[in-house]
Amino acid sequence: MAIIINKDTKVLVQGITGRQGSFHTEQMIHYGTQIVAGVTPGKYGQSVNGVPVYDTVTAAVERHDVDATIIFIPAPGVKDAALEAMDVGLKTMVIITEHVPLHDELDIMAQAEKKQVTIIGPNTFGIISPGQSKMGIMPNSIYQPGPVGVVARSGTLSYEIAFGLTNAGLGQSTVIGLGGDRVVGLSFTDVLKMMEQDRGTKAVVLVGEIGGNAEEEAAKYIATMTKPVVAFIAGHSAPPGKRMGHAGAIIERGHGTFENKVQALTAAGAKVANLPWEVPELLQKML
């Protein structure tokens, strides 16, 4: 099994004619994702890798069954694109774009909560249910189907850990990138709850980083889980007060430190790896 997306998920691509949109549409199609339509205003009638392009989301959903949308729109246009998709009733959304204005992100999340829309991102690598479907920009070749769920704030680290799991014979049920911004849709706790309920997930890997309190909040739920959890926290050597790549990865006034997160996760029963390549071995001992 998998959570959020599977082989039957029909996907719309907003911003499909741009360089990133067209390239990753091709990659997603190669992986097996059902890309049914694309949207770029003023490009109606074009085709990208065989996918028809429409001017609006409304026009696309009038002609195609659509379950989810992935957004490759430049940051200033993300809010309008997201609200348009929500207005036509789409309930799953992946926002790849980074540097979305903070107040736009707040407006998007408020509307999503009102309409019960699941949002992954912004500033995310997306979601993949190996062997079934992917909505994102992750490499196609490093994943294999299996029992380990992975939820991460960092794209590159999650790739490294997923590849290590695959090499150790530990495939993945679903891998999700929450996004590196301060305001994102799904939280660690949201995803952990889904993976706890998913019969295809036997264990979970949490890839966190310094800044914010998402890992500490996740620890409260991990303490109640029946499935083993292995965690890795990035940013051990980062200096306080300095943003390290992600907008959400900043230690302020002593909050969000590496030590606090490791302490909270360990107290909750998770095993915390010191280095990314230790994760598979720790997981094998817990399964």
Protein backbone atom coordinates (compact mmCIF):
# COMPACT_ATOMS: atom_id res chain seq x y z
CA MET A 1 0.00 0.00 0.00
CA ALA A 2 0.94 3.64 -0.01
CA ILE A 3 -0.37 6.92 1.34
CA ILE A 4 -1.74 9.97 -0.53
CA ILE A 5 -0.87 8.80 -4.09
CA ASN A 6 -0.84 5.43 -5.87
CA LYS A 7 -0.85 3.98 -9.39
CA ASP A 8 -4.41 5.21 -9.99
CA THR A 9 -3.79 8.88 -9.09
CA LYS A 10 -4.50 11.15 -12.06
CA VAL A 11 -2.26 14.20 -12.02
CA LEU A 12 -2.44 17.73 -13.45
CA VAL A 13 0.75 19.77 -13.96
CA GLN A 14 0.44 23.54 -13.48
CA GLY A 15 3.29 25.29 -15.28
CA ILE A 16 3.82 22.34 -17.62
CA THR A 17 5.34 24.32 -20.50
CA GLY A 18 8.15 25.85 -18.44
CA ARG A 19 11.63 24.31 -18.39
CA GLN A 20 11.19 22.62 -15.02
CA GLY A 21 7.58 21.69 -15.63
CA SER A 22 8.23 20.06 -18.98
CA PHE A 23 11.39 18.24 -17.86
CA HIS A 24 9.84 16.77 -14.73
CA THR A 25 6.61 15.92 -16.52
CA GLU A 26 8.68 13.69 -18.80
CA GLN A 27 10.44 12.13 -15.78
CA MET A 28 7.14 11.50 -13.98
CA ILE A 29 5.65 9.89 -17.08
CA HIS A 30 8.69 7.63 -17.38
CA TYR A 31 8.16 6.59 -13.77
CA GLY A 32 4.57 5.62 -14.51
CA THR A 33 2.66 8.58 -13.10
CA GLN A 34 -0.67 9.20 -14.81
CA ILE A 35 -0.20 12.77 -16.06
CA VAL A 36 -3.54 13.56 -17.69
CA ALA A 37 -3.28 17.30 -18.45
CA GLY A 38 -1.24 20.45 -18.03
CA VAL A 39 -2.00 24.14 -17.54
CA THR A 40 -0.18 27.24 -18.71
CA PRO A 41 -2.20 30.40 -19.45
CA GLY A 42 -2.03 31.29 -23.15
CA LYS A 43 -0.70 27.87 -24.20
CA TYR A 44 -3.98 26.09 -24.94
CA GLY A 45 -3.66 23.62 -27.77
CA GLN A 46 -0.01 22.78 -27.17
CA SER A 47 1.20 19.37 -26.06
CA VAL A 48 4.10 18.49 -23.72
CA ASN A 49 5.33 14.90 -23.99
CA GLY A 50 1.90 13.98 -25.32
CA VAL A 51 0.08 15.74 -22.48
CA PRO A 52 -2.55 18.29 -23.60
CA VAL A 53 -2.18 21.85 -22.32
CA TYR A 54 -5.03 24.13 -21.24
CA ASP A 55 -5.23 27.80 -20.29
CA THR A 56 -6.94 27.20 -16.95
CA VAL A 57 -7.42 24.46 -14.36
CA THR A 58 -11.16 24.76 -14.90
CA ALA A 59 -10.78 23.94 -18.60
CA ALA A 60 -8.53 20.98 -17.81
CA VAL A 61 -10.86 19.36 -15.27
CA GLU A 62 -13.81 19.81 -17.63
CA ARG A 63 -12.06 17.47 -20.08
CA HIS A 64 -10.18 15.09 -17.74
CA ASP A 65 -10.59 13.25 -14.47
CA VAL A 66 -8.01 14.81 -12.13
CA ASP A 67 -7.18 13.76 -8.56
CA ALA A 68 -4.13 15.87 -7.77
CA THR A 69 -2.02 18.75 -9.05
CA ILE A 70 1.68 19.57 -8.98
CA ILE A 71 2.76 23.20 -9.29
CA PHE A 72 5.89 24.43 -11.11
CA ILE A 73 4.71 28.06 -11.25
CA PRO A 74 7.23 30.87 -10.47
CA ALA A 75 6.85 32.08 -6.87
CA PRO A 76 4.77 35.25 -7.51
CA GLY A 77 2.08 33.17 -9.27
CA VAL A 78 1.87 30.23 -6.86
CA LYS A 79 -0.91 31.67 -4.71
CA ASP A 80 -3.26 32.23 -7.67
CA ALA A 81 -2.43 28.79 -9.09
CA ALA A 82 -3.07 27.04 -5.78
CA LEU A 83 -6.33 28.87 -5.12
CA GLU A 84 -7.53 28.12 -8.65
CA ALA A 85 -6.91 24.41 -8.13
CA MET A 86 -8.69 24.45 -4.79
CA ASP A 87 -11.65 26.34 -6.28
CA VAL A 88 -12.33 23.48 -8.72
CA GLY A 89 -12.19 20.92 -5.94
CA LEU A 90 -8.74 19.32 -6.21
CA LYS A 91 -7.85 17.83 -2.81
CA THR A 92 -4.16 16.93 -3.20
CA MET A 93 -1.49 19.47 -4.15
CA VAL A 94 2.30 19.39 -4.41
CA ILE A 95 4.01 22.80 -4.58
CA ILE A 96 7.59 22.44 -5.84
CA THR A 97 8.30 26.18 -6.05
CA GLU A 98 10.62 27.80 -3.51
CA HIS A 99 10.70 31.40 -2.30
CA VAL A 100 6.91 31.73 -2.26
CA PRO A 101 6.09 34.96 -0.36
CA LEU A 102 5.34 34.22 3.29
CA HIS A 103 1.92 35.87 3.32
CA ASP A 104 0.95 34.00 0.16
CA GLU A 105 1.87 30.75 1.90
CA LEU A 106 -0.26 31.72 4.89
CA ASP A 107 -3.23 32.49 2.61
CA ILE A 108 -2.80 29.17 0.78
CA MET A 109 -2.69 27.14 4.00
CA ALA A 110 -5.70 28.95 5.44
CA GLN A 111 -7.74 28.15 2.34
CA ALA A 112 -6.47 24.57 2.30
CA GLU A 113 -7.57 24.04 5.89
CA LYS A 114 -10.99 25.48 5.08
CA LYS A 115 -11.41 23.20 2.04
CA GLN A 116 -9.62 20.17 3.57
CA VAL A 117 -6.93 20.08 0.89
CA THR A 118 -3.71 18.12 1.47
CA ILE A 119 -0.70 20.29 0.57
CA ILE A 120 2.87 19.01 0.29
CA GLY A 121 5.35 21.90 0.23
CA PRO A 122 6.10 24.61 -0.85
CA ASN A 123 9.81 24.13 -1.47
CA THR A 124 9.47 20.34 -1.54
CA PHE A 125 10.89 17.53 -3.67
CA GLY A 126 7.41 15.99 -3.65
CA ILE A 127 6.06 12.55 -2.92
CA ILE A 128 6.76 9.10 -4.34
CA SER A 129 5.10 5.73 -3.76
CA PRO A 130 7.81 3.52 -5.29
CA GLY A 131 6.67 1.29 -8.11
CA GLN A 132 3.37 3.15 -8.38
CA SER A 133 3.56 6.90 -8.89
CA LYS A 134 5.57 10.00 -8.14
CA MET A 135 4.68 13.69 -8.01
CA GLY A 136 7.99 15.48 -7.69
CA ILE A 137 11.55 16.04 -8.78
CA MET A 138 13.34 13.17 -7.05
CA PRO A 139 15.57 10.79 -9.07
CA ASN A 140 13.62 7.85 -10.49
CA SER A 141 16.31 5.22 -9.98
CA ILE A 142 17.06 5.25 -6.22
CA TYR A 143 13.77 3.92 -4.86
CA GLN A 144 12.25 0.46 -4.67
CA PRO A 145 8.92 -0.73 -3.27
CA GLY A 146 9.03 -1.93 0.31
CA PRO A 147 7.87 -1.46 3.91
CA VAL A 148 9.71 1.71 5.06
CA GLY A 149 7.99 5.08 5.07
CA VAL A 150 10.25 8.14 4.83
CA VAL A 151 9.25 11.68 5.75
CA ALA A 152 11.76 14.50 5.36
CA ARG A 153 12.34 18.24 5.39
CA SER A 154 15.48 17.90 3.25
CA GLY A 155 15.48 16.65 -0.33
CA THR A 156 19.13 15.78 -0.78
CA LEU A 157 19.43 14.01 2.56
CA SER A 158 16.28 12.02 1.91
CA TYR A 159 17.72 10.90 -1.46
CA GLU A 160 20.88 9.71 0.25
CA ILE A 161 18.96 7.87 2.95
CA ALA A 162 16.46 6.33 0.52
CA PHE A 163 19.34 5.12 -1.67
CA GLY A 164 21.00 3.62 1.40
CA LEU A 165 17.77 1.85 2.34
CA THR A 166 17.42 0.47 -1.19
CA ASN A 167 21.00 -0.80 -1.17
CA ALA A 168 20.31 -2.50 2.16
CA GLY A 169 17.27 -4.26 0.73
CA LEU A 170 14.83 -2.01 2.56
CA GLY A 171 12.33 -0.66 0.04
CA GLN A 172 9.99 2.24 0.68
CA SER A 173 6.21 2.43 0.96
CA THR A 174 5.99 6.22 0.49
CA VAL A 175 8.61 8.98 0.65
CA ILE A 176 7.39 12.52 1.34
CA GLY A 177 9.22 15.86 1.38
CA LEU A 178 7.43 18.28 3.67
CA GLY A 179 9.30 21.30 2.32
CA GLY A 180 11.99 23.54 3.75
CA ASP A 181 10.02 26.75 4.21
CA ARG A 182 8.73 28.12 7.50
CA VAL A 183 5.13 27.61 6.40
CA VAL A 184 4.34 24.26 4.79
CA GLY A 185 1.28 22.06 4.43
CA LEU A 186 1.70 18.62 5.94
CA SER A 187 3.67 18.31 9.18
CA PHE A 188 5.75 15.40 10.44
CA THR A 189 2.93 14.46 12.78
CA ASP A 190 0.34 14.49 9.96
CA VAL A 191 2.45 12.06 7.92
CA LEU A 192 3.38 9.85 10.88
CA LYS A 193 -0.31 9.38 11.65
CA MET A 194 -0.95 8.26 8.05
CA MET A 195 2.02 5.89 8.08
CA GLU A 196 0.96 4.44 11.43
CA GLN A 197 -2.39 3.55 9.83
CA ASP A 198 -0.90 2.30 6.54
CA ARG A 199 -0.74 -1.50 6.42
CA GLY A 200 2.08 -1.35 3.88
CA THR A 201 4.37 0.62 6.19
CA LYS A 202 6.23 -1.41 8.82
CA ALA A 203 8.72 1.23 9.98
CA VAL A 204 9.36 4.95 9.50
CA VAL A 205 12.43 7.10 8.90
CA LEU A 206 12.18 10.77 9.91
CA VAL A 207 14.71 13.14 8.31
CA GLY A 208 14.65 16.42 10.21
CA GLU A 209 16.84 19.46 10.59
CA ILE A 210 17.50 22.29 13.00
CA GLY A 211 15.01 25.14 13.36
CA GLY A 212 11.35 25.26 14.34
CA ASN A 213 9.74 22.67 16.58
CA ALA A 214 8.30 20.18 14.06
CA GLU A 215 10.54 17.36 15.27
CA GLU A 216 9.71 18.00 18.92
CA GLU A 217 5.98 17.94 18.07
CA ALA A 218 6.50 14.73 16.09
CA ALA A 219 8.21 13.16 19.10
CA LYS A 220 4.99 13.49 21.10
CA TYR A 221 3.21 11.32 18.55
CA ILE A 222 6.12 8.92 18.05
CA ALA A 223 5.82 8.04 21.74
CA THR A 224 2.38 6.57 20.95
CA MET A 225 3.30 4.72 17.73
CA THR A 226 3.39 0.94 17.39
CA LYS A 227 5.90 1.05 14.50
CA PRO A 228 9.65 1.60 14.94
CA VAL A 229 11.07 5.02 14.03
CA VAL A 230 14.63 5.94 13.09
CA ALA A 231 15.52 9.63 12.82
CA PHE A 232 18.35 11.72 11.44
CA ILE A 233 18.65 15.43 12.25
CA ALA A 234 20.75 17.65 9.98
CA GLY A 235 22.58 20.73 11.21
CA HIS A 236 24.61 19.47 14.17
CA SER A 237 27.40 21.99 13.53
CA ALA A 238 25.32 24.92 12.31
CA PRO A 239 25.95 28.24 14.13
CA PRO A 240 22.91 29.77 15.95
CA GLY A 241 21.12 32.63 14.21
CA LYS A 242 22.24 31.71 10.72
CA ARG A 243 19.87 30.28 8.12
CA MET A 244 21.27 27.09 6.61
CA GLY A 245 19.70 26.69 3.17
CA HIS A 246 16.08 26.28 4.23
CA ALA A 247 14.00 29.16 5.53
CA GLY A 248 12.82 26.92 8.35
CA ALA A 249 16.33 25.87 9.38
CA ILE A 250 17.33 28.61 11.76
CA ILE A 251 17.92 28.47 15.50
CA GLU A 252 16.45 31.50 17.25
CA ARG A 253 16.56 32.31 20.96
CA GLY A 254 17.69 28.78 21.76
CA HIS A 255 14.69 27.11 20.13
CA GLY A 256 15.01 24.42 17.48
CA THR A 257 18.47 23.23 18.43
CA PHE A 258 19.96 19.92 17.33
CA GLU A 259 20.31 18.81 20.94
CA ASN A 260 16.66 19.54 21.82
CA LYS A 261 15.40 17.57 18.83
CA VAL A 262 17.62 14.56 19.46
CA GLN A 263 16.65 14.55 23.13
CA ALA A 264 12.91 14.70 22.35
CA LEU A 265 13.07 11.95 19.71
CA THR A 266 15.21 9.67 21.87
CA ALA A 267 12.88 10.11 24.85
CA ALA A 268 9.96 9.16 22.58
CA GLY A 269 11.59 5.86 21.67
CA ALA A 270 13.09 6.71 18.27
CA LYS A 271 16.63 5.70 17.41
CA VAL A 272 18.64 8.70 16.19
CA ALA A 273 21.43 8.16 13.68
CA ASN A 274 24.56 10.29 13.91
CA LEU A 275 25.18 10.02 10.16
CA PRO A 276 22.79 9.36 7.24
CA TRP A 277 24.40 6.03 6.31
CA GLU A 278 23.76 4.66 9.81
CA VAL A 279 19.99 4.72 9.23
CA PRO A 280 19.64 1.34 7.40
CA GLU A 281 21.59 -0.56 10.06
CA LEU A 282 19.59 0.98 12.91
CA LEU A 283 16.37 0.17 11.08
CA GLN A 284 17.36 -3.44 10.44
CA LYS A 285 17.96 -3.92 14.18
CA MET A 286 14.45 -2.64 14.96
CA LEU A 287 12.54 -4.69 12.38
